[in-house]
Amino acid sequence: MNILSWAEEDRPREKLLLKGKAALSDAELIAILIGSGNTEQSAVELSKDILHSIAHDLNGLAKLTVSDLQKFKGIGEAKAISIVSALELGRRRKATSPEIKPQIRSSADVYEIIKAELMDQPIEQFWVLLLSRNNKVIKKQLISTGGVSGTVADPKVIFKAALDVLASGLILIHNHPSGNLKPSQADIQLTKKMKDSGKLLEIPILDHLIFTDDGYFSFADESML
């Protein structure tokens, strides 16, 4: 049978893709883990039986062992291990403190954040900081690596990186291994091109830093953006 002809409750994977993970019931999420049911039940129906046995308490489900789960018809060792592993991941996530994302308030913040990547770097590299709406760093990403005196920064690659994480702002960074803080004509032209493209995509370029081991040049600080 074509999957589109199945009853909706029997195709939770499609439901997740169409409506998002929050739209799925606990039974549907477990059904995705086990993949199939038994000769009398669909994966969702079998998952409902498992949940019913522990009064629909996910904490109780986490206490079930592989052997406990194998008592249900259709749950073999591999399916039981999948359930136990998923719940263990959930437990570990709960025990882990969420990562605190640094917030950019000035060009000095950018310099400090990118130091670990560019300090003592003998060749030119082009990096971007991908920012959320409140200027917190979602990700720092290497765009390209060049030679001693230059590297290529493709706007298509840069904006694809931003769109992939739904960034609300961008900061461009490249280093000058020579220690020269003066922007080249190519640096100025790229900054203008990126600024104009960012306006069209509603992903503003907030700054462009030229990094050296001894300091930096900020296009924003120098009113060149």
N, C-alpha and C. Protein backbone atom coordinates (compact mmCIF):
# COMPACT_ATOMS: atom_id res chain seq x y z
N MET A 1 0.83 -1.20 0.00
CA MET A 1 0.00 0.00 0.00
C MET A 1 0.87 1.26 0.00
N ASN A 2 0.45 2.25 -0.76
CA ASN A 2 1.14 3.55 -0.73
C ASN A 2 0.96 4.19 0.63
N ILE A 3 2.04 4.77 1.16
CA ILE A 3 1.97 5.33 2.51
C ILE A 3 0.91 6.42 2.64
N LEU A 4 0.62 7.11 1.53
CA LEU A 4 -0.40 8.17 1.58
C LEU A 4 -1.80 7.62 1.78
N SER A 5 -1.98 6.32 1.52
CA SER A 5 -3.30 5.73 1.69
C SER A 5 -3.50 5.15 3.09
N TRP A 6 -2.45 5.18 3.92
CA TRP A 6 -2.58 4.66 5.28
C TRP A 6 -3.41 5.63 6.12
N ALA A 7 -4.01 5.09 7.18
CA ALA A 7 -4.67 5.95 8.16
C ALA A 7 -3.62 6.86 8.79
N GLU A 8 -4.01 8.08 9.11
CA GLU A 8 -3.05 9.05 9.64
C GLU A 8 -2.35 8.54 10.88
N GLU A 9 -3.07 7.82 11.74
CA GLU A 9 -2.44 7.34 12.98
C GLU A 9 -1.38 6.29 12.71
N ASP A 10 -1.37 5.72 11.51
CA ASP A 10 -0.38 4.70 11.18
C ASP A 10 0.84 5.28 10.48
N ARG A 11 0.90 6.58 10.27
CA ARG A 11 2.06 7.18 9.61
C ARG A 11 2.55 8.42 10.38
N PRO A 12 3.01 8.21 11.60
CA PRO A 12 3.47 9.34 12.42
C PRO A 12 4.68 10.07 11.85
N ARG A 13 5.51 9.37 11.05
CA ARG A 13 6.67 10.06 10.46
C ARG A 13 6.21 11.21 9.56
N GLU A 14 5.20 10.92 8.72
CA GLU A 14 4.67 11.96 7.84
C GLU A 14 4.08 13.11 8.64
N LYS A 15 3.38 12.75 9.71
CA LYS A 15 2.75 13.78 10.55
C LYS A 15 3.82 14.69 11.15
N LEU A 16 4.94 14.11 11.58
CA LEU A 16 6.02 14.90 12.15
C LEU A 16 6.57 15.88 11.11
N LEU A 17 6.76 15.39 9.89
CA LEU A 17 7.30 16.26 8.84
C LEU A 17 6.33 17.37 8.46
N LEU A 18 5.05 17.07 8.45
CA LEU A 18 4.05 18.04 8.02
C LEU A 18 3.66 19.03 9.10
N LYS A 19 3.57 18.54 10.35
CA LYS A 19 3.01 19.36 11.42
C LYS A 19 4.01 19.69 12.53
N GLY A 20 5.16 19.02 12.53
CA GLY A 20 6.15 19.27 13.58
C GLY A 20 6.05 18.25 14.70
N LYS A 21 7.12 18.11 15.45
CA LYS A 21 7.20 17.08 16.48
C LYS A 21 6.20 17.27 17.61
N ALA A 22 5.85 18.54 17.90
CA ALA A 22 4.92 18.81 19.00
C ALA A 22 3.52 18.29 18.72
N ALA A 23 3.20 18.05 17.44
CA ALA A 23 1.85 17.59 17.08
C ALA A 23 1.65 16.11 17.34
N LEU A 24 2.74 15.39 17.61
CA LEU A 24 2.64 13.94 17.82
C LEU A 24 2.35 13.59 19.27
N SER A 25 1.54 12.56 19.46
CA SER A 25 1.28 12.04 20.80
C SER A 25 2.48 11.23 21.26
N ASP A 26 2.52 10.89 22.55
CA ASP A 26 3.60 10.04 23.07
C ASP A 26 3.64 8.71 22.33
N ALA A 27 2.47 8.15 22.06
CA ALA A 27 2.40 6.85 21.37
C ALA A 27 2.97 6.96 19.96
N GLU A 28 2.69 8.06 19.29
CA GLU A 28 3.21 8.23 17.93
C GLU A 28 4.73 8.38 17.92
N LEU A 29 5.26 9.07 18.92
CA LEU A 29 6.72 9.21 19.01
C LEU A 29 7.38 7.86 19.26
N ILE A 30 6.79 7.05 20.13
CA ILE A 30 7.34 5.71 20.38
C ILE A 30 7.22 4.85 19.14
N ALA A 31 6.10 5.02 18.41
CA ALA A 31 5.90 4.25 17.18
C ALA A 31 7.00 4.52 16.16
N ILE A 32 7.48 5.75 16.10
CA ILE A 32 8.58 6.07 15.20
C ILE A 32 9.84 5.32 15.62
N LEU A 33 10.05 5.19 16.93
CA LEU A 33 11.22 4.47 17.44
C LEU A 33 11.18 2.99 17.09
N ILE A 34 10.00 2.37 17.21
CA ILE A 34 9.93 0.92 17.01
C ILE A 34 9.69 0.55 15.55
N GLY A 35 9.14 1.47 14.78
CA GLY A 35 9.02 1.25 13.35
C GLY A 35 7.86 0.41 12.87
N SER A 36 7.50 -0.64 13.61
CA SER A 36 6.40 -1.53 13.21
C SER A 36 5.77 -2.16 14.44
N GLY A 37 4.56 -2.67 14.27
CA GLY A 37 3.86 -3.30 15.38
C GLY A 37 3.98 -4.80 15.33
N ASN A 38 2.87 -5.49 15.55
CA ASN A 38 2.86 -6.95 15.46
C ASN A 38 1.74 -7.37 14.50
N THR A 39 1.42 -8.63 14.45
CA THR A 39 0.43 -9.12 13.48
C THR A 39 -0.96 -8.59 13.74
N GLU A 40 -1.25 -8.20 14.98
CA GLU A 40 -2.59 -7.71 15.30
C GLU A 40 -2.65 -6.19 15.48
N GLN A 41 -1.52 -5.55 15.70
CA GLN A 41 -1.53 -4.14 16.04
C GLN A 41 -0.55 -3.34 15.18
N SER A 42 -0.93 -2.10 14.91
CA SER A 42 0.01 -1.18 14.27
C SER A 42 1.05 -0.74 15.30
N ALA A 43 2.07 -0.05 14.84
CA ALA A 43 3.10 0.45 15.76
C ALA A 43 2.50 1.41 16.78
N VAL A 44 1.54 2.23 16.35
CA VAL A 44 0.91 3.18 17.26
C VAL A 44 0.08 2.44 18.32
N GLU A 45 -0.67 1.45 17.90
CA GLU A 45 -1.50 0.69 18.85
C GLU A 45 -0.64 -0.05 19.86
N LEU A 46 0.45 -0.64 19.39
CA LEU A 46 1.36 -1.32 20.31
C LEU A 46 1.98 -0.32 21.29
N SER A 47 2.31 0.85 20.82
CA SER A 47 2.89 1.88 21.68
C SER A 47 1.88 2.33 22.74
N LYS A 48 0.61 2.42 22.35
CA LYS A 48 -0.43 2.77 23.32
C LYS A 48 -0.53 1.73 24.42
N ASP A 49 -0.40 0.45 24.06
CA ASP A 49 -0.43 -0.62 25.07
C ASP A 49 0.72 -0.48 26.06
N ILE A 50 1.90 -0.15 25.53
CA ILE A 50 3.07 0.02 26.40
C ILE A 50 2.83 1.17 27.37
N LEU A 51 2.33 2.29 26.86
CA LEU A 51 2.05 3.45 27.70
C LEU A 51 0.96 3.15 28.72
N HIS A 52 -0.06 2.40 28.32
CA HIS A 52 -1.16 2.04 29.23
C HIS A 52 -0.63 1.22 30.41
N SER A 53 0.38 0.39 30.14
CA SER A 53 0.92 -0.48 31.20
C SER A 53 1.62 0.30 32.29
N ILE A 54 2.05 1.52 31.99
CA ILE A 54 2.74 2.35 33.01
C ILE A 54 1.93 3.62 33.30
N ALA A 55 0.61 3.51 33.07
CA ALA A 55 -0.34 4.60 33.35
C ALA A 55 0.04 5.89 32.64
N HIS A 56 0.59 5.75 31.44
CA HIS A 56 0.96 6.90 30.60
C HIS A 56 1.96 7.84 31.29
N ASP A 57 2.78 7.27 32.14
CA ASP A 57 3.80 8.04 32.87
C ASP A 57 5.15 7.82 32.20
N LEU A 58 5.68 8.84 31.56
CA LEU A 58 6.96 8.68 30.86
C LEU A 58 8.12 8.40 31.81
N ASN A 59 8.00 8.87 33.05
CA ASN A 59 9.02 8.53 34.05
C ASN A 59 9.00 7.03 34.31
N GLY A 60 7.80 6.45 34.31
CA GLY A 60 7.68 5.01 34.47
C GLY A 60 8.24 4.27 33.28
N LEU A 61 8.02 4.82 32.09
CA LEU A 61 8.56 4.19 30.88
C LEU A 61 10.08 4.16 30.93
N ALA A 62 10.68 5.22 31.46
CA ALA A 62 12.14 5.29 31.53
C ALA A 62 12.72 4.24 32.48
N LYS A 63 11.90 3.72 33.38
CA LYS A 63 12.37 2.72 34.35
C LYS A 63 12.28 1.30 33.80
N LEU A 64 11.59 1.13 32.66
CA LEU A 64 11.48 -0.21 32.08
C LEU A 64 12.81 -0.64 31.48
N THR A 65 13.15 -1.90 31.69
CA THR A 65 14.39 -2.44 31.13
C THR A 65 14.12 -3.04 29.75
N VAL A 66 15.18 -3.44 29.09
CA VAL A 66 15.03 -4.12 27.80
C VAL A 66 14.18 -5.37 27.95
N SER A 67 14.41 -6.10 29.03
CA SER A 67 13.64 -7.31 29.29
C SER A 67 12.16 -7.01 29.52
N ASP A 68 11.88 -5.94 30.26
CA ASP A 68 10.49 -5.54 30.52
C ASP A 68 9.77 -5.25 29.20
N LEU A 69 10.42 -4.52 28.33
CA LEU A 69 9.80 -4.12 27.07
C LEU A 69 9.60 -5.31 26.14
N GLN A 70 10.48 -6.29 26.21
CA GLN A 70 10.36 -7.46 25.34
C GLN A 70 9.17 -8.35 25.69
N LYS A 71 8.52 -8.08 26.80
CA LYS A 71 7.32 -8.86 27.18
C LYS A 71 6.12 -8.49 26.30
N PHE A 72 6.22 -7.36 25.61
CA PHE A 72 5.14 -6.95 24.71
C PHE A 72 5.34 -7.61 23.35
N LYS A 73 4.27 -8.20 22.83
CA LYS A 73 4.35 -8.88 21.55
C LYS A 73 4.73 -7.88 20.46
N GLY A 74 5.77 -8.20 19.72
CA GLY A 74 6.22 -7.31 18.67
C GLY A 74 7.42 -6.46 19.06
N ILE A 75 7.77 -6.50 20.33
CA ILE A 75 8.95 -5.76 20.79
C ILE A 75 10.10 -6.74 21.00
N GLY A 76 11.01 -6.74 20.06
CA GLY A 76 12.21 -7.56 20.19
C GLY A 76 13.32 -6.77 20.86
N GLU A 77 14.47 -7.36 20.89
CA GLU A 77 15.61 -6.73 21.57
C GLU A 77 15.97 -5.39 20.93
N ALA A 78 16.01 -5.36 19.60
CA ALA A 78 16.42 -4.13 18.90
C ALA A 78 15.44 -2.99 19.19
N LYS A 79 14.13 -3.25 19.14
CA LYS A 79 13.15 -2.20 19.41
C LYS A 79 13.21 -1.74 20.86
N ALA A 80 13.40 -2.70 21.77
CA ALA A 80 13.50 -2.35 23.19
C ALA A 80 14.71 -1.47 23.45
N ILE A 81 15.82 -1.80 22.81
CA ILE A 81 17.03 -1.01 22.97
C ILE A 81 16.82 0.41 22.43
N SER A 82 16.09 0.55 21.32
CA SER A 82 15.81 1.88 20.76
C SER A 82 15.04 2.74 21.75
N ILE A 83 14.04 2.16 22.41
CA ILE A 83 13.24 2.91 23.38
C ILE A 83 14.09 3.31 24.58
N VAL A 84 14.84 2.35 25.11
CA VAL A 84 15.68 2.61 26.29
C VAL A 84 16.72 3.69 25.96
N SER A 85 17.31 3.61 24.77
CA SER A 85 18.33 4.59 24.38
C SER A 85 17.75 5.99 24.24
N ALA A 86 16.56 6.09 23.64
CA ALA A 86 15.93 7.40 23.47
C ALA A 86 15.62 8.04 24.81
N LEU A 87 15.14 7.26 25.75
CA LEU A 87 14.80 7.80 27.06
C LEU A 87 16.06 8.18 27.85
N GLU A 88 17.13 7.44 27.64
CA GLU A 88 18.39 7.79 28.29
C GLU A 88 18.94 9.11 27.75
N LEU A 89 18.79 9.32 26.44
CA LEU A 89 19.19 10.62 25.86
C LEU A 89 18.39 11.76 26.47
N GLY A 90 17.08 11.52 26.64
CA GLY A 90 16.23 12.54 27.25
C GLY A 90 16.67 12.84 28.68
N ARG A 91 17.04 11.80 29.42
CA ARG A 91 17.49 11.99 30.80
C ARG A 91 18.78 12.80 30.84
N ARG A 92 19.70 12.48 29.94
CA ARG A 92 20.98 13.20 29.91
C ARG A 92 20.78 14.66 29.51
N ARG A 93 19.86 14.89 28.58
CA ARG A 93 19.59 16.27 28.17
C ARG A 93 19.05 17.07 29.35
N LYS A 94 18.16 16.44 30.11
CA LYS A 94 17.57 17.13 31.26
C LYS A 94 18.62 17.47 32.30
N ALA A 95 19.64 16.62 32.40
CA ALA A 95 20.70 16.82 33.40
C ALA A 95 21.76 17.82 32.95
N THR A 96 21.72 18.19 31.67
CA THR A 96 22.73 19.10 31.12
C THR A 96 22.22 20.53 31.14
N SER A 97 23.04 21.43 31.64
CA SER A 97 22.66 22.84 31.65
C SER A 97 22.68 23.38 30.22
N PRO A 98 21.69 24.18 29.85
CA PRO A 98 21.68 24.74 28.50
C PRO A 98 22.88 25.65 28.27
N GLU A 99 23.42 25.59 27.05
CA GLU A 99 24.58 26.42 26.70
C GLU A 99 24.18 27.90 26.68
N ILE A 100 24.99 28.71 27.33
CA ILE A 100 24.73 30.16 27.33
C ILE A 100 25.39 30.76 26.10
N LYS A 101 24.56 31.31 25.23
CA LYS A 101 25.08 31.90 23.99
C LYS A 101 25.62 33.30 24.27
N PRO A 102 26.83 33.60 23.81
CA PRO A 102 27.37 34.96 24.01
C PRO A 102 26.56 35.98 23.22
N GLN A 103 26.44 37.18 23.76
CA GLN A 103 25.71 38.26 23.10
C GLN A 103 26.70 39.32 22.62
N ILE A 104 26.49 39.78 21.40
CA ILE A 104 27.37 40.80 20.83
C ILE A 104 26.83 42.19 21.16
N ARG A 105 27.63 42.95 21.89
CA ARG A 105 27.24 44.33 22.23
C ARG A 105 28.18 45.36 21.60
N SER A 106 29.34 44.89 21.16
CA SER A 106 30.32 45.81 20.58
C SER A 106 31.30 45.04 19.71
N SER A 107 32.10 45.78 18.95
CA SER A 107 33.12 45.15 18.12
C SER A 107 34.15 44.40 18.97
N ALA A 108 34.38 44.89 20.20
CA ALA A 108 35.32 44.21 21.10
C ALA A 108 34.84 42.82 21.45
N ASP A 109 33.51 42.65 21.58
CA ASP A 109 32.95 41.33 21.85
C ASP A 109 33.25 40.37 20.69
N VAL A 110 33.11 40.88 19.47
CA VAL A 110 33.38 40.06 18.28
C VAL A 110 34.84 39.62 18.29
N TYR A 111 35.73 40.54 18.57
CA TYR A 111 37.17 40.24 18.58
C TYR A 111 37.49 39.14 19.59
N GLU A 112 36.91 39.22 20.77
CA GLU A 112 37.17 38.22 21.81
C GLU A 112 36.62 36.85 21.42
N ILE A 113 35.44 36.85 20.79
CA ILE A 113 34.80 35.57 20.44
C ILE A 113 35.57 34.84 19.34
N ILE A 114 36.15 35.59 18.41
CA ILE A 114 36.81 34.96 17.26
C ILE A 114 38.30 34.73 17.48
N LYS A 115 38.83 35.21 18.61
CA LYS A 115 40.27 35.09 18.91
C LYS A 115 40.77 33.66 18.82
N ALA A 116 40.01 32.74 19.38
CA ALA A 116 40.46 31.35 19.45
C ALA A 116 40.68 30.76 18.05
N GLU A 117 39.92 31.24 17.06
CA GLU A 117 40.03 30.72 15.71
C GLU A 117 41.12 31.41 14.89
N LEU A 118 41.34 32.70 15.13
CA LEU A 118 42.21 33.46 14.23
C LEU A 118 43.54 33.90 14.83
N MET A 119 43.70 33.80 16.13
CA MET A 119 44.97 34.19 16.73
C MET A 119 46.09 33.29 16.21
N ASP A 120 47.20 33.90 15.77
CA ASP A 120 48.38 33.19 15.25
C ASP A 120 48.10 32.42 13.96
N GLN A 121 47.02 32.77 13.28
CA GLN A 121 46.67 32.09 12.02
C GLN A 121 47.57 32.64 10.89
N PRO A 122 48.37 31.80 10.24
CA PRO A 122 49.33 32.30 9.24
C PRO A 122 48.73 32.56 7.85
N ILE A 123 47.51 32.10 7.62
CA ILE A 123 46.87 32.32 6.32
C ILE A 123 45.53 33.02 6.53
N GLU A 124 45.05 33.66 5.47
CA GLU A 124 43.78 34.38 5.59
C GLU A 124 42.61 33.41 5.65
N GLN A 125 41.69 33.72 6.53
CA GLN A 125 40.44 32.97 6.63
C GLN A 125 39.28 33.96 6.71
N PHE A 126 38.13 33.52 6.23
CA PHE A 126 36.93 34.35 6.30
C PHE A 126 35.90 33.62 7.15
N TRP A 127 35.44 34.27 8.21
CA TRP A 127 34.47 33.70 9.15
C TRP A 127 33.23 34.59 9.19
N VAL A 128 32.14 34.01 9.65
CA VAL A 128 30.95 34.80 9.94
C VAL A 128 30.41 34.40 11.31
N LEU A 129 29.84 35.38 12.00
CA LEU A 129 29.06 35.11 13.20
C LEU A 129 27.59 35.21 12.78
N LEU A 130 26.83 34.14 13.04
CA LEU A 130 25.41 34.10 12.73
C LEU A 130 24.65 34.43 14.01
N LEU A 131 23.83 35.48 13.96
CA LEU A 131 23.23 36.03 15.17
C LEU A 131 21.72 35.87 15.19
N SER A 132 21.18 35.74 16.41
CA SER A 132 19.74 35.72 16.62
C SER A 132 19.22 37.16 16.66
N ARG A 133 17.93 37.32 16.85
CA ARG A 133 17.33 38.65 16.84
C ARG A 133 17.88 39.54 17.96
N ASN A 134 18.26 38.94 19.09
CA ASN A 134 18.80 39.74 20.19
C ASN A 134 20.34 39.75 20.18
N ASN A 135 20.91 39.47 19.01
CA ASN A 135 22.37 39.53 18.79
C ASN A 135 23.15 38.50 19.58
N LYS A 136 22.50 37.39 19.93
CA LYS A 136 23.25 36.28 20.53
C LYS A 136 23.80 35.40 19.41
N VAL A 137 24.98 34.86 19.65
CA VAL A 137 25.66 34.07 18.61
C VAL A 137 25.01 32.69 18.50
N ILE A 138 24.41 32.44 17.35
CA ILE A 138 23.88 31.11 17.07
C ILE A 138 25.02 30.17 16.72
N LYS A 139 25.94 30.70 15.92
CA LYS A 139 27.02 29.85 15.41
C LYS A 139 28.12 30.73 14.83
N LYS A 140 29.37 30.29 14.96
CA LYS A 140 30.45 30.93 14.20
C LYS A 140 30.92 29.92 13.16
N GLN A 141 31.06 30.39 11.93
CA GLN A 141 31.29 29.45 10.83
C GLN A 141 32.40 29.92 9.91
N LEU A 142 33.31 29.00 9.61
CA LEU A 142 34.37 29.26 8.64
C LEU A 142 33.78 29.20 7.24
N ILE A 143 33.99 30.25 6.45
CA ILE A 143 33.47 30.31 5.09
C ILE A 143 34.52 29.88 4.07
N SER A 144 35.74 30.39 4.23
CA SER A 144 36.78 30.04 3.26
C SER A 144 38.17 30.24 3.86
N THR A 145 39.12 29.53 3.27
CA THR A 145 40.53 29.65 3.65
C THR A 145 41.33 29.95 2.40
N GLY A 146 42.23 30.90 2.49
CA GLY A 146 43.00 31.30 1.32
C GLY A 146 44.48 31.15 1.55
N GLY A 147 45.24 32.15 1.07
CA GLY A 147 46.69 32.14 1.22
C GLY A 147 47.14 33.19 2.21
N VAL A 148 48.37 33.61 2.06
CA VAL A 148 48.94 34.59 2.98
C VAL A 148 48.31 35.97 2.76
N SER A 149 47.90 36.24 1.52
CA SER A 149 47.45 37.60 1.21
C SER A 149 46.00 37.70 0.75
N GLY A 150 45.22 36.64 0.86
CA GLY A 150 43.83 36.77 0.44
C GLY A 150 43.03 35.49 0.53
N THR A 151 41.71 35.65 0.58
CA THR A 151 40.79 34.52 0.54
C THR A 151 39.51 34.98 -0.14
N VAL A 152 38.76 34.05 -0.68
CA VAL A 152 37.54 34.37 -1.41
C VAL A 152 36.34 34.18 -0.49
N ALA A 153 35.46 35.17 -0.46
CA ALA A 153 34.23 35.08 0.33
C ALA A 153 33.05 35.16 -0.63
N ASP A 154 32.38 34.05 -0.84
CA ASP A 154 31.25 33.99 -1.78
C ASP A 154 29.97 34.37 -1.04
N PRO A 155 29.30 35.46 -1.43
CA PRO A 155 28.06 35.88 -0.75
C PRO A 155 27.00 34.78 -0.73
N LYS A 156 26.93 33.96 -1.78
CA LYS A 156 25.93 32.89 -1.81
C LYS A 156 26.17 31.90 -0.68
N VAL A 157 27.43 31.56 -0.45
CA VAL A 157 27.77 30.61 0.63
C VAL A 157 27.46 31.24 1.99
N ILE A 158 27.77 32.52 2.13
CA ILE A 158 27.55 33.20 3.41
C ILE A 158 26.07 33.28 3.74
N PHE A 159 25.26 33.70 2.77
CA PHE A 159 23.83 33.84 3.07
C PHE A 159 23.13 32.49 3.19
N LYS A 160 23.64 31.48 2.51
CA LYS A 160 23.09 30.12 2.71
C LYS A 160 23.31 29.68 4.15
N ALA A 161 24.51 29.95 4.68
CA ALA A 161 24.80 29.60 6.08
C ALA A 161 23.83 30.31 7.02
N ALA A 162 23.53 31.58 6.72
CA ALA A 162 22.60 32.35 7.55
C ALA A 162 21.18 31.81 7.46
N LEU A 163 20.75 31.49 6.24
CA LEU A 163 19.39 30.98 6.05
C LEU A 163 19.21 29.59 6.67
N ASP A 164 20.27 28.79 6.66
CA ASP A 164 20.18 27.44 7.23
C ASP A 164 19.83 27.45 8.71
N VAL A 165 20.27 28.49 9.44
CA VAL A 165 20.01 28.56 10.89
C VAL A 165 19.01 29.68 11.23
N LEU A 166 18.39 30.25 10.19
CA LEU A 166 17.41 31.33 10.36
C LEU A 166 18.01 32.51 11.14
N ALA A 167 19.23 32.87 10.78
CA ALA A 167 19.91 33.98 11.46
C ALA A 167 19.20 35.30 11.16
N SER A 168 19.21 36.20 12.14
CA SER A 168 18.60 37.52 11.97
C SER A 168 19.62 38.60 11.69
N GLY A 169 20.91 38.25 11.78
CA GLY A 169 21.96 39.21 11.52
C GLY A 169 23.28 38.50 11.27
N LEU A 170 24.21 39.21 10.64
CA LEU A 170 25.51 38.64 10.29
C LEU A 170 26.64 39.59 10.67
N ILE A 171 27.74 39.03 11.12
CA ILE A 171 28.97 39.80 11.28
C ILE A 171 30.06 39.09 10.48
N LEU A 172 30.71 39.83 9.60
CA LEU A 172 31.77 39.30 8.76
C LEU A 172 33.12 39.51 9.45
N ILE A 173 33.99 38.54 9.31
CA ILE A 173 35.33 38.64 9.93
C ILE A 173 36.35 38.00 9.01
N HIS A 174 37.44 38.67 8.75
CA HIS A 174 38.58 38.01 8.11
C HIS A 174 39.86 38.58 8.71
N ASN A 175 40.90 37.79 8.64
CA ASN A 175 42.17 38.19 9.26
C ASN A 175 43.17 38.67 8.22
N HIS A 176 44.08 39.51 8.67
CA HIS A 176 45.23 39.94 7.88
C HIS A 176 46.49 39.43 8.60
N PRO A 177 47.05 38.31 8.16
CA PRO A 177 48.25 37.77 8.82
C PRO A 177 49.41 38.76 8.85
N SER A 178 49.42 39.70 7.90
CA SER A 178 50.50 40.70 7.85
C SER A 178 50.44 41.68 9.01
N GLY A 179 49.29 41.77 9.66
CA GLY A 179 49.12 42.73 10.74
C GLY A 179 48.58 44.08 10.28
N ASN A 180 48.38 44.24 8.97
CA ASN A 180 47.87 45.49 8.42
C ASN A 180 46.38 45.62 8.71
N LEU A 181 45.98 46.68 9.39
CA LEU A 181 44.58 46.88 9.76
C LEU A 181 43.79 47.68 8.72
N LYS A 182 44.46 48.19 7.70
CA LYS A 182 43.76 49.00 6.71
C LYS A 182 42.97 48.11 5.75
N PRO A 183 41.67 48.37 5.57
CA PRO A 183 40.88 47.55 4.64
C PRO A 183 41.30 47.81 3.20
N SER A 184 41.35 46.75 2.41
CA SER A 184 41.67 46.89 0.99
C SER A 184 40.43 47.33 0.23
N GLN A 185 40.62 47.71 -1.02
CA GLN A 185 39.47 48.09 -1.85
C GLN A 185 38.53 46.91 -2.02
N ALA A 186 39.11 45.69 -2.11
CA ALA A 186 38.28 44.48 -2.23
C ALA A 186 37.45 44.27 -0.96
N ASP A 187 38.03 44.56 0.21
CA ASP A 187 37.30 44.44 1.47
C ASP A 187 36.11 45.40 1.49
N ILE A 188 36.35 46.62 1.02
CA ILE A 188 35.29 47.65 1.02
C ILE A 188 34.17 47.26 0.05
N GLN A 189 34.56 46.79 -1.13
CA GLN A 189 33.56 46.41 -2.13
C GLN A 189 32.73 45.22 -1.66
N LEU A 190 33.39 44.22 -1.05
CA LEU A 190 32.65 43.05 -0.54
C LEU A 190 31.67 43.47 0.55
N THR A 191 32.11 44.35 1.43
CA THR A 191 31.23 44.80 2.52
C THR A 191 29.99 45.49 1.96
N LYS A 192 30.17 46.33 0.95
CA LYS A 192 29.03 47.02 0.34
C LYS A 192 28.08 46.01 -0.34
N LYS A 193 28.67 45.06 -1.08
CA LYS A 193 27.85 44.05 -1.75
C LYS A 193 27.05 43.23 -0.74
N MET A 194 27.70 42.84 0.35
CA MET A 194 27.03 42.04 1.38
C MET A 194 25.94 42.85 2.07
N LYS A 195 26.22 44.14 2.32
CA LYS A 195 25.23 44.99 2.97
C LYS A 195 23.97 45.13 2.10
N ASP A 196 24.19 45.34 0.79
CA ASP A 196 23.05 45.49 -0.12
C ASP A 196 22.25 44.18 -0.23
N SER A 197 22.95 43.06 -0.29
CA SER A 197 22.27 41.76 -0.36
C SER A 197 21.52 41.46 0.92
N GLY A 198 22.11 41.82 2.04
CA GLY A 198 21.48 41.60 3.34
C GLY A 198 20.17 42.35 3.48
N LYS A 199 20.11 43.55 2.91
CA LYS A 199 18.87 44.33 2.96
C LYS A 199 17.75 43.61 2.23
N LEU A 200 18.07 43.02 1.07
CA LEU A 200 17.06 42.31 0.28
C LEU A 200 16.54 41.08 1.02
N LEU A 201 17.42 40.39 1.73
CA LEU A 201 17.06 39.16 2.43
C LEU A 201 16.60 39.42 3.87
N GLU A 202 16.64 40.68 4.28
CA GLU A 202 16.31 41.06 5.66
C GLU A 202 17.21 40.36 6.67
N ILE A 203 18.48 40.20 6.29
CA ILE A 203 19.53 39.69 7.19
C ILE A 203 20.63 40.74 7.20
N PRO A 204 20.55 41.75 8.06
CA PRO A 204 21.50 42.86 8.01
C PRO A 204 22.93 42.46 8.36
N ILE A 205 23.88 43.11 7.69
CA ILE A 205 25.29 42.97 8.04
C ILE A 205 25.58 43.99 9.13
N LEU A 206 25.86 43.53 10.32
CA LEU A 206 26.01 44.41 11.47
C LEU A 206 27.44 44.96 11.61
N ASP A 207 28.41 44.21 11.09
CA ASP A 207 29.79 44.69 11.16
C ASP A 207 30.66 43.81 10.28
N HIS A 208 31.84 44.31 9.97
CA HIS A 208 32.87 43.54 9.27
C HIS A 208 34.18 43.86 9.98
N LEU A 209 34.78 42.85 10.58
CA LEU A 209 36.02 43.03 11.32
C LEU A 209 37.21 42.52 10.52
N ILE A 210 38.27 43.31 10.51
CA ILE A 210 39.57 42.84 10.04
C ILE A 210 40.38 42.52 11.29
N PHE A 211 40.76 41.27 11.42
CA PHE A 211 41.40 40.76 12.63
C PHE A 211 42.91 40.67 12.44
N THR A 212 43.64 41.14 13.44
CA THR A 212 45.08 40.86 13.53
C THR A 212 45.36 40.46 14.98
N ASP A 213 46.51 39.87 15.20
CA ASP A 213 46.86 39.42 16.55
C ASP A 213 46.96 40.59 17.52
N ASP A 214 47.22 41.80 17.00
CA ASP A 214 47.43 42.96 17.87
C ASP A 214 46.25 43.92 17.93
N GLY A 215 45.16 43.60 17.25
CA GLY A 215 44.01 44.48 17.27
C GLY A 215 43.09 44.22 16.10
N TYR A 216 42.17 45.15 15.86
CA TYR A 216 41.20 44.92 14.79
C TYR A 216 40.72 46.24 14.21
N PHE A 217 40.11 46.13 13.02
CA PHE A 217 39.45 47.26 12.39
C PHE A 217 37.98 46.91 12.24
N SER A 218 37.10 47.79 12.69
CA SER A 218 35.65 47.56 12.60
C SER A 218 35.04 48.52 11.62
N PHE A 219 34.39 47.98 10.59
CA PHE A 219 33.68 48.85 9.62
C PHE A 219 32.56 49.63 10.31
N ALA A 220 31.88 49.00 11.27
CA ALA A 220 30.78 49.68 11.97
C ALA A 220 31.31 50.83 12.82
N ASP A 221 32.41 50.59 13.56
CA ASP A 221 32.97 51.64 14.41
C ASP A 221 33.46 52.83 13.58
N GLU A 222 33.91 52.55 12.37
CA GLU A 222 34.44 53.61 11.51
C GLU A 222 33.38 54.21 10.59
N SER A 223 32.10 53.85 10.85
CA SER A 223 30.96 54.37 10.06
C SER A 223 31.11 54.07 8.58
N MET A 224 31.58 52.86 8.28
CA MET A 224 31.77 52.46 6.88
C MET A 224 30.74 51.41 6.46
N LEU A 225 29.68 51.25 7.26
CA LEU A 225 28.60 50.32 6.91
C LEU A 225 27.34 51.10 6.56
